[in-house]
Structure formats: structure tokens, C-alpha cells
Amino acid sequence: MLQDMILAVIVDFLLGDPYNFPHPVKFMGKIIYYEEKIVRRYFKSNIGLKVGGFLIVIINMGIGFFVPYFLLKVLRGYNMVYHIVNIYLIYICISAKCLHIEAKKVYDALSRGIDEARDRLSYIVGRDTKNLDEGEIIRADVETVAENTSDGIIAPLFYIMIFGASGGMMYKMVNTMDSMLGYKNEKYKDIGYFPAKNDDLFNLIPSRLSGILMCISSVFRFDVKNGFKIMFRDRKNHKSPNSAYPEGAAAGLLNIQLGGNNYYSGELVEKPTIGDKTKVLEKKDIIRTIEIMYRAEILFLLIYIVIKIV
């Protein structure tokens, strides 16, 4: 298990997520899409849609965990095939290199013009990007890397360490359900109620762990004392009960301010800020946040290696 996890992390670092590569998360998305259509066809009331959303959560958590679990159980007698499949399943749960590449595309686009940077950013954030200035683009990119240090790296690794590849796949299903159904607008507030709450629950420990790892791994590199200070001080300055931990850690470590108001589908959504405006956001903060992301991942892996060896 330990060797497979190390190899999976290395494969992710080398390959990322090739666009033409078959990815189970895309299949998860299709399952959720059709489940939503079925639920909306048979459940019309607000309570009915909540019940339907609850059923989607239960069914998909079972699919996410037991399909890879039984697949690996069948393959356990075929040593080499078992390890190849296990490494593959762990690898597709981790998205460090993909996050690095997508964030770096925004960074590179800023050198070529504001319109291209806005367009690039629109692929990785939910907010409106067409009127953002350079500082707002940088802020959005930094926030995305910081938040997904938990969602895309530490959280899946956390569940893999506890439950194996099946745990990582289950978490990816939980996260995918939230990203597709967990909106708080009129259309999704009922059917997405349980997917969103379930995602909050699954990220409760990993988000806090991510913030701590981000701070500790930044010793002798960034402002660790301020990282811890802002993470705990501003931990409630987000509509999510979890996202402010990694974002607060990043803001404090870099002495920048994140959060604040954004537009979504033309509607202003007011949000509190995270961190202090000790210095103005600059392009290099994107690269620094990517570095913090990798530092947290490596530290978490090293801690797990020590625990397993001891």
C-alpha cells in the first residue's frame, strides 16, 4: 500500500491528468447527471427532491467504495496486475499536477493580456471572470490552488491512507456530487442539500489538516506564524465551513488578503475577506501557492511513511 501510494504520487507529478486519458471521475459525472434527471422526473416537491438527493448520496457512496473494493479483491491473486490497478486508482484520485498546470496557465496568460487571463481563469472557477482586473484574477487563482490543496490532494490521500484506494474513490464521488449538485441556488437547494452537507462532513478533518500541513511545511520559507494566526482567526470567513482553513493558511503565509465579493451569473455575492492586506497581490503569489501545495503534499506523505515504518 505504501509503495503503491508513493508511486501514484510520482505518476501524478509526472503525468497529471492527460485530457484524452479515460478518467473515472468523468464516468462519475455521467452517473450523477442521469440520477439527477431520474430524481427530478419522479420527485416534484421540495421534500421529495431532498429525499432524492439523499438517495443519490447513499447509492453513489456505495458505488464509489465497493466497485474498486471488489475489483481489487478479485485481482489480489494476480500480484502485478493488482498493484498496477491499485496505483492507477490512487493516482486518479490526486490532482496536484493538474492543479499546478491549470493555475500556471492563468499565470502565463497574464503576461499575454488580461482578456486571455480572464478566459483561462474561467475554466477553473465558478465566479464571473469577464470584468476582473489583474489583482482579482491573481486572487481567484490563489484561492483555487489553496482550496484544492485540501479537496484535490490532502483529502483524497487522507481517505486512501485509512481505507485504501476504495476510500479515495469514494471521496472523489462525494466531491463530484457536491460540485454538480451542491449549489445553493433555487434549482439545487433541495436536491443538492445532502450532497453539499455530505461533502462538508467528509472535508471537516482534511481541510483543517491541510491548513496545518501548509503552515508546518512552510517553515524557513514563508510566514508560518502568520499562517497559523490567519487560519484560526478567519476560519469562519467563508460560506463553506471548511474552505477558509487552507485559504487562511495561504493568505497568512504570503501576507496577502483573499476572499471578498464576487459575481456569480451576474449576481453579486458578498463575502468576508480572509487575511490582512499587508502586501499587494502579485503574480508570483500564484507560484508561491503552488509551492505551498506541493510542500503540504510531500509533508503529509512523509508523515505517513514514518507512521507505516514505525
C-alpha atoms as a PDB file:
ATOM      1  CA  MET A   1       0.000   0.000   0.000  1.00  0.00           C
ATOM      2  CA  LEU A   2       2.759   2.435   0.971  1.00  0.00           C
ATOM      3  CA  GLN A   3       4.821   1.722  -2.136  1.00  0.00           C
ATOM      4  CA  ASP A   4       1.736   1.988  -4.346  1.00  0.00           C
ATOM      5  CA  MET A   5       0.852   5.370  -2.846  1.00  0.00           C
ATOM      6  CA  ILE A   6       4.375   6.727  -3.348  1.00  0.00           C
ATOM      7  CA  LEU A   7       4.390   5.532  -6.968  1.00  0.00           C
ATOM      8  CA  ALA A   8       0.925   7.022  -7.551  1.00  0.00           C
ATOM      9  CA  VAL A   9       2.079  10.424  -6.281  1.00  0.00           C
ATOM     10  CA  ILE A  10       5.125  10.230  -8.557  1.00  0.00           C
ATOM     11  CA  VAL A  11       2.944   9.291 -11.555  1.00  0.00           C
ATOM     12  CA  ASP A  12       0.665  12.243 -10.818  1.00  0.00           C
ATOM     13  CA  PHE A  13       3.669  14.565 -10.630  1.00  0.00           C
ATOM     14  CA  LEU A  14       4.962  13.286 -13.984  1.00  0.00           C
ATOM     15  CA  LEU A  15       1.709  12.942 -15.937  1.00  0.00           C
ATOM     16  CA  GLY A  16      -1.020  14.992 -14.281  1.00  0.00           C
ATOM     17  CA  ASP A  17      -4.380  14.334 -15.937  1.00  0.00           C
ATOM     18  CA  PRO A  18      -3.905  13.970 -19.717  1.00  0.00           C
ATOM     19  CA  TYR A  19      -7.000  15.368 -21.467  1.00  0.00           C
ATOM     20  CA  ASN A  20      -7.518  12.318 -23.696  1.00  0.00           C
ATOM     21  CA  PHE A  21      -6.976   9.819 -20.875  1.00  0.00           C
ATOM     22  CA  PRO A  22     -10.011   7.837 -19.606  1.00  0.00           C
ATOM     23  CA  HIS A  23     -10.871   9.164 -16.160  1.00  0.00           C
ATOM     24  CA  PRO A  24     -13.407   7.525 -13.787  1.00  0.00           C
ATOM     25  CA  VAL A  25     -14.430  10.945 -12.449  1.00  0.00           C
ATOM     26  CA  LYS A  26     -15.948  11.688 -15.879  1.00  0.00           C
ATOM     27  CA  PHE A  27     -17.942   8.460 -15.534  1.00  0.00           C
ATOM     28  CA  MET A  28     -18.999   9.528 -12.028  1.00  0.00           C
ATOM     29  CA  GLY A  29     -20.244  12.787 -13.525  1.00  0.00           C
ATOM     30  CA  LYS A  30     -22.370  10.918 -16.075  1.00  0.00           C
ATOM     31  CA  ILE A  31     -23.897   8.739 -13.350  1.00  0.00           C
ATOM     32  CA  ILE A  32     -24.816  11.804 -11.280  1.00  0.00           C
ATOM     33  CA  TYR A  33     -26.221  13.569 -14.357  1.00  0.00           C
ATOM     34  CA  TYR A  34     -28.621  10.716 -15.114  1.00  0.00           C
ATOM     35  CA  GLU A  35     -29.527  10.246 -11.456  1.00  0.00           C
ATOM     36  CA  GLU A  36     -30.500  13.902 -11.244  1.00  0.00           C
ATOM     37  CA  LYS A  37     -32.767  13.527 -14.285  1.00  0.00           C
ATOM     38  CA  ILE A  38     -34.453  10.471 -12.770  1.00  0.00           C
ATOM     39  CA  VAL A  39     -34.962  12.149  -9.382  1.00  0.00           C
ATOM     40  CA  ARG A  40     -36.459  15.270 -10.961  1.00  0.00           C
ATOM     41  CA  ARG A  41     -38.807  13.112 -13.027  1.00  0.00           C
ATOM     42  CA  TYR A  42     -40.264  11.265 -10.024  1.00  0.00           C
ATOM     43  CA  PHE A  43     -39.814  13.720  -7.150  1.00  0.00           C
ATOM     44  CA  LYS A  44     -41.517  17.102  -7.549  1.00  0.00           C
ATOM     45  CA  SER A  45     -41.882  18.551  -4.046  1.00  0.00           C
ATOM     46  CA  ASN A  46     -39.106  20.224  -2.050  1.00  0.00           C
ATOM     47  CA  ILE A  47     -39.043  17.360   0.453  1.00  0.00           C
ATOM     48  CA  GLY A  48     -39.147  14.820  -2.363  1.00  0.00           C
ATOM     49  CA  LEU A  49     -36.116  16.403  -4.013  1.00  0.00           C
ATOM     50  CA  LYS A  50     -34.241  16.315  -0.692  1.00  0.00           C
ATOM     51  CA  VAL A  51     -35.078  12.622  -0.336  1.00  0.00           C
ATOM     52  CA  GLY A  52     -33.922  12.068  -3.911  1.00  0.00           C
ATOM     53  CA  GLY A  53     -30.662  13.876  -3.165  1.00  0.00           C
ATOM     54  CA  PHE A  54     -30.172  11.687  -0.082  1.00  0.00           C
ATOM     55  CA  LEU A  55     -30.690   8.533  -2.172  1.00  0.00           C
ATOM     56  CA  ILE A  56     -28.150   9.786  -4.728  1.00  0.00           C
ATOM     57  CA  VAL A  57     -25.604  10.224  -1.919  1.00  0.00           C
ATOM     58  CA  ILE A  58     -26.155   6.738  -0.462  1.00  0.00           C
ATOM     59  CA  ILE A  59     -26.125   4.964  -3.830  1.00  0.00           C
ATOM     60  CA  ASN A  60     -23.073   6.783  -5.134  1.00  0.00           C
ATOM     61  CA  MET A  61     -21.023   6.376  -1.980  1.00  0.00           C
ATOM     62  CA  GLY A  62     -21.679   2.646  -2.300  1.00  0.00           C
ATOM     63  CA  ILE A  63     -20.637   2.678  -5.959  1.00  0.00           C
ATOM     64  CA  GLY A  64     -17.555   4.793  -5.236  1.00  0.00           C
ATOM     65  CA  PHE A  65     -16.327   2.468  -2.490  1.00  0.00           C
ATOM     66  CA  PHE A  66     -17.455  -1.051  -3.376  1.00  0.00           C
ATOM     67  CA  VAL A  67     -16.750  -1.141  -7.140  1.00  0.00           C
ATOM     68  CA  PRO A  68     -12.982  -0.538  -6.688  1.00  0.00           C
ATOM     69  CA  TYR A  69     -13.013  -2.603  -3.471  1.00  0.00           C
ATOM     70  CA  PHE A  70     -14.330  -5.741  -5.169  1.00  0.00           C
ATOM     71  CA  LEU A  71     -12.234  -5.119  -8.286  1.00  0.00           C
ATOM     72  CA  LEU A  72      -9.067  -5.082  -6.188  1.00  0.00           C
ATOM     73  CA  LYS A  73     -10.271  -8.082  -4.184  1.00  0.00           C
ATOM     74  CA  VAL A  74     -10.676 -10.096  -7.398  1.00  0.00           C
ATOM     75  CA  LEU A  75      -7.217  -9.022  -8.604  1.00  0.00           C
ATOM     76  CA  ARG A  76      -5.437  -9.733  -5.313  1.00  0.00           C
ATOM     77  CA  GLY A  77      -4.274 -13.120  -6.568  1.00  0.00           C
ATOM     78  CA  TYR A  78      -2.580 -11.501  -9.584  1.00  0.00           C
ATOM     79  CA  ASN A  79       0.164  -9.564  -7.845  1.00  0.00           C
ATOM     80  CA  MET A  80       1.491  -7.356 -10.659  1.00  0.00           C
ATOM     81  CA  VAL A  81      -1.951  -6.564 -12.112  1.00  0.00           C
ATOM     82  CA  TYR A  82      -3.282  -5.809  -8.625  1.00  0.00           C
ATOM     83  CA  HIS A  83      -0.547  -3.261  -7.926  1.00  0.00           C
ATOM     84  CA  ILE A  84      -0.885  -1.621 -11.365  1.00  0.00           C
ATOM     85  CA  VAL A  85      -4.639  -1.166 -10.879  1.00  0.00           C
ATOM     86  CA  ASN A  86      -4.186  -0.025  -7.278  1.00  0.00           C
ATOM     87  CA  ILE A  87      -1.591   2.567  -8.305  1.00  0.00           C
ATOM     88  CA  TYR A  88      -3.862   3.748 -11.112  1.00  0.00           C
ATOM     89  CA  LEU A  89      -6.858   4.167  -8.784  1.00  0.00           C
ATOM     90  CA  ILE A  90      -4.794   6.119  -6.252  1.00  0.00           C
ATOM     91  CA  TYR A  91      -3.210   8.233  -8.992  1.00  0.00           C
ATOM     92  CA  ILE A  92      -6.543   9.351 -10.451  1.00  0.00           C
ATOM     93  CA  CYS A  93      -7.701  10.498  -7.000  1.00  0.00           C
ATOM     94  CA  ILE A  94      -4.850  13.015  -6.749  1.00  0.00           C
ATOM     95  CA  SER A  95      -4.830  16.215  -8.791  1.00  0.00           C
ATOM     96  CA  ALA A  96      -1.713  18.121  -7.721  1.00  0.00           C
ATOM     97  CA  LYS A  97      -0.082  18.293 -11.156  1.00  0.00           C
ATOM     98  CA  CYS A  98      -3.381  19.121 -12.883  1.00  0.00           C
ATOM     99  CA  LEU A  99      -3.999  21.945 -10.416  1.00  0.00           C
ATOM    100  CA  HIS A 100      -0.433  23.151 -10.933  1.00  0.00           C
ATOM    101  CA  ILE A 101      -0.827  23.181 -14.721  1.00  0.00           C
ATOM    102  CA  GLU A 102      -4.206  24.921 -14.757  1.00  0.00           C
ATOM    103  CA  ALA A 103      -3.118  27.597 -12.252  1.00  0.00           C
ATOM    104  CA  LYS A 104       0.114  28.146 -14.192  1.00  0.00           C
ATOM    105  CA  LYS A 105      -1.886  28.684 -17.400  1.00  0.00           C
ATOM    106  CA  VAL A 106      -3.561  31.675 -15.752  1.00  0.00           C
ATOM    107  CA  TYR A 107      -0.160  32.915 -14.554  1.00  0.00           C
ATOM    108  CA  ASP A 108       1.304  32.652 -18.083  1.00  0.00           C
ATOM    109  CA  ALA A 109      -1.785  34.222 -19.670  1.00  0.00           C
ATOM    110  CA  LEU A 110      -1.391  37.347 -17.527  1.00  0.00           C
ATOM    111  CA  SER A 111       1.786  38.102 -19.471  1.00  0.00           C
ATOM    112  CA  ARG A 112      -0.106  37.948 -22.744  1.00  0.00           C
ATOM    113  CA  GLY A 113      -3.113  40.062 -21.830  1.00  0.00           C
ATOM    114  CA  ILE A 114      -5.955  40.483 -19.369  1.00  0.00           C
ATOM    115  CA  ASP A 115      -8.615  39.003 -21.686  1.00  0.00           C
ATOM    116  CA  GLU A 116      -6.724  35.735 -22.139  1.00  0.00           C
ATOM    117  CA  ALA A 117      -6.117  35.515 -18.390  1.00  0.00           C
ATOM    118  CA  ARG A 118      -9.836  36.016 -17.705  1.00  0.00           C
ATOM    119  CA  ASP A 119     -10.672  33.286 -20.211  1.00  0.00           C
ATOM    120  CA  ARG A 120      -8.137  30.861 -18.724  1.00  0.00           C
ATOM    121  CA  LEU A 121      -9.409  31.525 -15.212  1.00  0.00           C
ATOM    122  CA  SER A 122     -12.997  30.823 -16.245  1.00  0.00           C
ATOM    123  CA  TYR A 123     -12.094  27.135 -16.729  1.00  0.00           C
ATOM    124  CA  ILE A 124     -11.209  26.610 -13.074  1.00  0.00           C
ATOM    125  CA  VAL A 125     -13.507  28.933 -11.088  1.00  0.00           C
ATOM    126  CA  GLY A 126     -17.268  29.353 -10.797  1.00  0.00           C
ATOM    127  CA  ARG A 127     -17.303  33.131 -10.494  1.00  0.00           C
ATOM    128  CA  ASP A 128     -17.780  35.552 -13.397  1.00  0.00           C
ATOM    129  CA  THR A 129     -14.374  36.469 -14.828  1.00  0.00           C
ATOM    130  CA  LYS A 130     -15.096  38.828 -17.750  1.00  0.00           C
ATOM    131  CA  ASN A 131     -14.669  42.042 -15.719  1.00  0.00           C
ATOM    132  CA  LEU A 132     -11.920  41.015 -13.295  1.00  0.00           C
ATOM    133  CA  ASP A 133      -8.772  43.112 -13.068  1.00  0.00           C
ATOM    134  CA  GLU A 134      -5.300  41.600 -12.680  1.00  0.00           C
ATOM    135  CA  GLY A 135      -5.387  41.589  -8.876  1.00  0.00           C
ATOM    136  CA  GLU A 136      -8.773  39.844  -8.812  1.00  0.00           C
ATOM    137  CA  ILE A 137      -7.542  37.239 -11.299  1.00  0.00           C
ATOM    138  CA  ILE A 138      -4.498  36.513  -9.143  1.00  0.00           C
ATOM    139  CA  ARG A 139      -6.693  36.318  -6.039  1.00  0.00           C
ATOM    140  CA  ALA A 140      -9.067  33.840  -7.691  1.00  0.00           C
ATOM    141  CA  ASP A 141      -6.192  31.671  -8.891  1.00  0.00           C
ATOM    142  CA  VAL A 142      -4.506  31.645  -5.477  1.00  0.00           C
ATOM    143  CA  GLU A 143      -7.812  30.811  -3.763  1.00  0.00           C
ATOM    144  CA  THR A 144      -8.405  27.916  -6.165  1.00  0.00           C
ATOM    145  CA  VAL A 145      -4.978  26.391  -5.546  1.00  0.00           C
ATOM    146  CA  ALA A 146      -5.280  26.869  -1.775  1.00  0.00           C
ATOM    147  CA  GLU A 147      -8.784  25.401  -1.500  1.00  0.00           C
ATOM    148  CA  ASN A 148      -7.984  22.479  -3.785  1.00  0.00           C
ATOM    149  CA  THR A 149      -4.857  21.651  -1.823  1.00  0.00           C
ATOM    150  CA  SER A 150      -7.431  20.137   0.512  1.00  0.00           C
ATOM    151  CA  ASP A 151     -10.108  18.928  -1.938  1.00  0.00           C
ATOM    152  CA  GLY A 152      -7.774  17.642  -4.640  1.00  0.00           C
ATOM    153  CA  ILE A 153      -4.779  16.355  -2.690  1.00  0.00           C
ATOM    154  CA  ILE A 154      -4.845  16.092   1.112  1.00  0.00           C
ATOM    155  CA  ALA A 155      -8.469  14.876   1.420  1.00  0.00           C
ATOM    156  CA  PRO A 156      -8.195  12.019  -1.109  1.00  0.00           C
ATOM    157  CA  LEU A 157      -4.820  10.993   0.369  1.00  0.00           C
ATOM    158  CA  PHE A 158      -6.364  11.080   3.846  1.00  0.00           C
ATOM    159  CA  TYR A 159      -9.118   8.622   2.866  1.00  0.00           C
ATOM    160  CA  ILE A 160      -6.703   6.470   0.860  1.00  0.00           C
ATOM    161  CA  MET A 161      -4.447   6.179   3.907  1.00  0.00           C
ATOM    162  CA  ILE A 162      -7.394   4.983   6.003  1.00  0.00           C
ATOM    163  CA  PHE A 163      -9.463   2.892   3.566  1.00  0.00           C
ATOM    164  CA  GLY A 164      -7.125   2.268   0.622  1.00  0.00           C
ATOM    165  CA  ALA A 165      -7.856   3.190  -2.991  1.00  0.00           C
ATOM    166  CA  SER A 166     -11.572   2.500  -2.386  1.00  0.00           C
ATOM    167  CA  GLY A 167     -11.641   5.285   0.190  1.00  0.00           C
ATOM    168  CA  GLY A 168     -10.070   7.707  -2.281  1.00  0.00           C
ATOM    169  CA  MET A 169     -12.594   6.779  -4.977  1.00  0.00           C
ATOM    170  CA  MET A 170     -15.467   7.180  -2.539  1.00  0.00           C
ATOM    171  CA  TYR A 171     -14.194  10.635  -1.628  1.00  0.00           C
ATOM    172  CA  LYS A 172     -13.939  11.587  -5.316  1.00  0.00           C
ATOM    173  CA  MET A 173     -17.574  10.565  -5.739  1.00  0.00           C
ATOM    174  CA  VAL A 174     -18.568  12.678  -2.711  1.00  0.00           C
ATOM    175  CA  ASN A 175     -16.651  15.647  -4.094  1.00  0.00           C
ATOM    176  CA  THR A 176     -18.101  15.217  -7.599  1.00  0.00           C
ATOM    177  CA  MET A 177     -21.656  15.077  -6.246  1.00  0.00           C
ATOM    178  CA  ASP A 178     -21.059  18.350  -4.422  1.00  0.00           C
ATOM    179  CA  SER A 179     -19.543  20.053  -7.471  1.00  0.00           C
ATOM    180  CA  MET A 180     -22.521  19.027  -9.637  1.00  0.00           C
ATOM    181  CA  LEU A 181     -25.429  19.283  -7.202  1.00  0.00           C
ATOM    182  CA  GLY A 182     -24.280  21.249  -4.163  1.00  0.00           C
ATOM    183  CA  TYR A 183     -25.254  24.733  -5.324  1.00  0.00           C
ATOM    184  CA  LYS A 184     -27.272  26.955  -3.010  1.00  0.00           C
ATOM    185  CA  ASN A 185     -29.470  28.449  -5.742  1.00  0.00           C
ATOM    186  CA  GLU A 186     -33.163  27.845  -6.325  1.00  0.00           C
ATOM    187  CA  LYS A 187     -32.620  24.938  -8.728  1.00  0.00           C
ATOM    188  CA  TYR A 188     -30.314  22.901  -6.488  1.00  0.00           C
ATOM    189  CA  LYS A 189     -31.065  23.962  -2.900  1.00  0.00           C
ATOM    190  CA  ASP A 190     -33.217  20.852  -2.301  1.00  0.00           C
ATOM    191  CA  ILE A 191     -31.710  18.093  -4.442  1.00  0.00           C
ATOM    192  CA  GLY A 192     -28.237  19.326  -3.551  1.00  0.00           C
ATOM    193  CA  TYR A 193     -28.844  19.678   0.195  1.00  0.00           C
ATOM    194  CA  PHE A 194     -27.478  16.278   1.244  1.00  0.00           C
ATOM    195  CA  PRO A 195     -24.668  16.137  -1.346  1.00  0.00           C
ATOM    196  CA  ALA A 196     -23.408  19.505  -0.030  1.00  0.00           C
ATOM    197  CA  LYS A 197     -23.748  18.542   3.649  1.00  0.00           C
ATOM    198  CA  ASN A 198     -22.066  15.207   2.992  1.00  0.00           C
ATOM    199  CA  ASP A 199     -19.137  16.942   1.277  1.00  0.00           C
ATOM    200  CA  ASP A 200     -18.827  19.332   4.225  1.00  0.00           C
ATOM    201  CA  LEU A 201     -18.672  16.351   6.586  1.00  0.00           C
ATOM    202  CA  PHE A 202     -16.059  14.487   4.535  1.00  0.00           C
ATOM    203  CA  ASN A 203     -13.856  17.585   4.356  1.00  0.00           C
ATOM    204  CA  LEU A 204     -14.144  18.501   8.032  1.00  0.00           C
ATOM    205  CA  ILE A 205     -10.853  16.881   9.074  1.00  0.00           C
ATOM    206  CA  PRO A 206      -8.892  17.129   5.774  1.00  0.00           C
ATOM    207  CA  SER A 207      -9.462  20.894   5.403  1.00  0.00           C
ATOM    208  CA  ARG A 208      -8.099  21.624   8.861  1.00  0.00           C
ATOM    209  CA  LEU A 209      -5.291  19.140   8.364  1.00  0.00           C
ATOM    210  CA  SER A 210      -4.456  20.826   5.042  1.00  0.00           C
ATOM    211  CA  GLY A 211      -4.105  24.230   6.678  1.00  0.00           C
ATOM    212  CA  ILE A 212      -1.832  22.819   9.364  1.00  0.00           C
ATOM    213  CA  LEU A 213       0.315  20.955   6.814  1.00  0.00           C
ATOM    214  CA  MET A 214       0.565  24.065   4.640  1.00  0.00           C
ATOM    215  CA  CYS A 215       1.862  26.061   7.599  1.00  0.00           C
ATOM    216  CA  ILE A 216       4.272  23.497   9.050  1.00  0.00           C
ATOM    217  CA  SER A 217       5.767  22.635   5.653  1.00  0.00           C
ATOM    218  CA  SER A 218       6.474  26.324   5.025  1.00  0.00           C
ATOM    219  CA  VAL A 219       8.965  26.666   7.889  1.00  0.00           C
ATOM    220  CA  PHE A 220      12.009  28.774   6.860  1.00  0.00           C
ATOM    221  CA  ARG A 221      10.207  29.711   3.615  1.00  0.00           C
ATOM    222  CA  PHE A 222       7.038  31.685   4.369  1.00  0.00           C
ATOM    223  CA  ASP A 223       5.447  33.456   7.358  1.00  0.00           C
ATOM    224  CA  VAL A 224       4.414  30.394   9.383  1.00  0.00           C
ATOM    225  CA  LYS A 225       3.362  32.306  12.499  1.00  0.00           C
ATOM    226  CA  ASN A 226       1.025  34.496  10.470  1.00  0.00           C
ATOM    227  CA  GLY A 227      -0.215  31.446   8.555  1.00  0.00           C
ATOM    228  CA  PHE A 228      -1.493  29.859  11.761  1.00  0.00           C
ATOM    229  CA  LYS A 229      -2.802  33.192  13.032  1.00  0.00           C
ATOM    230  CA  ILE A 230      -4.915  33.966   9.948  1.00  0.00           C
ATOM    231  CA  MET A 231      -6.075  30.365   9.523  1.00  0.00           C
ATOM    232  CA  PHE A 232      -7.600  30.295  13.017  1.00  0.00           C
ATOM    233  CA  ARG A 233      -8.670  33.943  13.160  1.00  0.00           C
ATOM    234  CA  ASP A 234     -10.526  33.911   9.819  1.00  0.00           C
ATOM    235  CA  ARG A 235     -11.657  30.267   9.823  1.00  0.00           C
ATOM    236  CA  LYS A 236     -15.327  31.319   9.722  1.00  0.00           C
ATOM    237  CA  ASN A 237     -14.918  33.945   6.989  1.00  0.00           C
ATOM    238  CA  HIS A 238     -16.296  31.704   4.271  1.00  0.00           C
ATOM    239  CA  LYS A 239     -19.699  30.280   3.373  1.00  0.00           C
ATOM    240  CA  SER A 240     -18.103  26.830   3.441  1.00  0.00           C
ATOM    241  CA  PRO A 241     -17.276  25.532   6.944  1.00  0.00           C
ATOM    242  CA  ASN A 242     -14.012  24.138   5.566  1.00  0.00           C
ATOM    243  CA  SER A 243     -12.557  26.280   2.779  1.00  0.00           C
ATOM    244  CA  ALA A 244     -11.291  29.101   4.999  1.00  0.00           C
ATOM    245  CA  TYR A 245      -8.708  26.827   6.610  1.00  0.00           C
ATOM    246  CA  PRO A 246      -6.457  26.231   3.573  1.00  0.00           C
ATOM    247  CA  GLU A 247      -7.259  29.677   2.152  1.00  0.00           C
ATOM    248  CA  GLY A 248      -6.495  31.299   5.506  1.00  0.00           C
ATOM    249  CA  ALA A 249      -3.222  29.400   5.742  1.00  0.00           C
ATOM    250  CA  ALA A 250      -2.184  30.585   2.263  1.00  0.00           C
ATOM    251  CA  ALA A 251      -3.234  34.182   2.978  1.00  0.00           C
ATOM    252  CA  GLY A 252      -1.294  34.276   6.224  1.00  0.00           C
ATOM    253  CA  LEU A 253       1.796  32.548   4.858  1.00  0.00           C
ATOM    254  CA  LEU A 254       2.016  35.025   1.980  1.00  0.00           C
ATOM    255  CA  ASN A 255       0.797  38.078   3.951  1.00  0.00           C
ATOM    256  CA  ILE A 256      -1.971  38.732   1.422  1.00  0.00           C
ATOM    257  CA  GLN A 257      -5.738  39.148   1.554  1.00  0.00           C
ATOM    258  CA  LEU A 258      -8.105  36.671  -0.087  1.00  0.00           C
ATOM    259  CA  GLY A 259     -11.888  36.346  -0.102  1.00  0.00           C
ATOM    260  CA  GLY A 260     -14.203  39.281  -0.640  1.00  0.00           C
ATOM    261  CA  ASN A 261     -17.099  39.890  -3.003  1.00  0.00           C
ATOM    262  CA  ASN A 262     -17.545  38.059  -6.320  1.00  0.00           C
ATOM    263  CA  TYR A 263     -20.120  37.935  -9.093  1.00  0.00           C
ATOM    264  CA  TYR A 264     -21.787  34.632  -9.976  1.00  0.00           C
ATOM    265  CA  SER A 265     -24.025  34.535 -13.070  1.00  0.00           C
ATOM    266  CA  GLY A 266     -24.243  38.313 -12.927  1.00  0.00           C
ATOM    267  CA  GLU A 267     -25.304  38.373  -9.266  1.00  0.00           C
ATOM    268  CA  LEU A 268     -23.110  39.966  -6.592  1.00  0.00           C
ATOM    269  CA  VAL A 269     -22.309  37.608  -3.727  1.00  0.00           C
ATOM    270  CA  GLU A 270     -20.875  39.403  -0.701  1.00  0.00           C
ATOM    271  CA  LYS A 271     -18.181  37.514   1.203  1.00  0.00           C
ATOM    272  CA  PRO A 272     -15.895  38.467   4.084  1.00  0.00           C
ATOM    273  CA  THR A 273     -12.174  38.782   3.478  1.00  0.00           C
ATOM    274  CA  ILE A 274      -9.525  36.316   4.665  1.00  0.00           C
ATOM    275  CA  GLY A 275      -6.160  37.663   5.790  1.00  0.00           C
ATOM    276  CA  ASP A 276      -4.707  41.156   6.020  1.00  0.00           C
ATOM    277  CA  LYS A 277      -3.667  43.382   3.137  1.00  0.00           C
ATOM    278  CA  THR A 278      -0.064  43.503   4.360  1.00  0.00           C
ATOM    279  CA  LYS A 279       1.153  43.448   0.774  1.00  0.00           C
ATOM    280  CA  VAL A 280      -0.480  43.771  -2.629  1.00  0.00           C
ATOM    281  CA  LEU A 281      -1.169  40.574  -4.537  1.00  0.00           C
ATOM    282  CA  GLU A 282       1.360  39.890  -7.279  1.00  0.00           C
ATOM    283  CA  LYS A 283       1.731  37.265  -9.995  1.00  0.00           C
ATOM    284  CA  LYS A 284       4.426  35.427  -8.066  1.00  0.00           C
ATOM    285  CA  ASP A 285       1.869  34.636  -5.348  1.00  0.00           C
ATOM    286  CA  ILE A 286       0.362  32.068  -7.735  1.00  0.00           C
ATOM    287  CA  ILE A 287       3.706  30.276  -7.996  1.00  0.00           C
ATOM    288  CA  ARG A 288       4.234  30.560  -4.242  1.00  0.00           C
ATOM    289  CA  THR A 289       0.826  28.980  -3.551  1.00  0.00           C
ATOM    290  CA  ILE A 290       1.622  26.098  -5.906  1.00  0.00           C
ATOM    291  CA  GLU A 291       4.854  25.587  -3.960  1.00  0.00           C
ATOM    292  CA  ILE A 292       2.910  25.569  -0.673  1.00  0.00           C
ATOM    293  CA  MET A 293       0.554  22.965  -2.170  1.00  0.00           C
ATOM    294  CA  TYR A 294       3.446  20.625  -3.022  1.00  0.00           C
ATOM    295  CA  ARG A 295       5.105  21.215   0.340  1.00  0.00           C
ATOM    296  CA  ALA A 296       1.896  20.159   2.141  1.00  0.00           C
ATOM    297  CA  GLU A 297       1.533  17.056  -0.039  1.00  0.00           C
ATOM    298  CA  ILE A 298       5.151  15.970   0.492  1.00  0.00           C
ATOM    299  CA  LEU A 299       4.990  16.551   4.253  1.00  0.00           C
ATOM    300  CA  PHE A 300       1.766  14.522   4.522  1.00  0.00           C
ATOM    301  CA  LEU A 301       3.331  11.673   2.567  1.00  0.00           C
ATOM    302  CA  LEU A 302       6.483  11.761   4.717  1.00  0.00           C
ATOM    303  CA  ILE A 303       4.404  11.625   7.908  1.00  0.00           C
ATOM    304  CA  TYR A 304       2.524   8.606   6.549  1.00  0.00           C
ATOM    305  CA  ILE A 305       5.784   6.890   5.570  1.00  0.00           C
ATOM    306  CA  VAL A 306       7.181   7.368   9.092  1.00  0.00           C
ATOM    307  CA  ILE A 307       3.972   6.059  10.684  1.00  0.00           C
ATOM    308  CA  LYS A 308       3.974   2.952   8.455  1.00  0.00           C
ATOM    309  CA  ILE A 309       7.653   2.229   9.025  1.00  0.00           C
ATOM    310  CA  VAL A 310       7.491   2.705  12.786  1.00  0.00           C
END
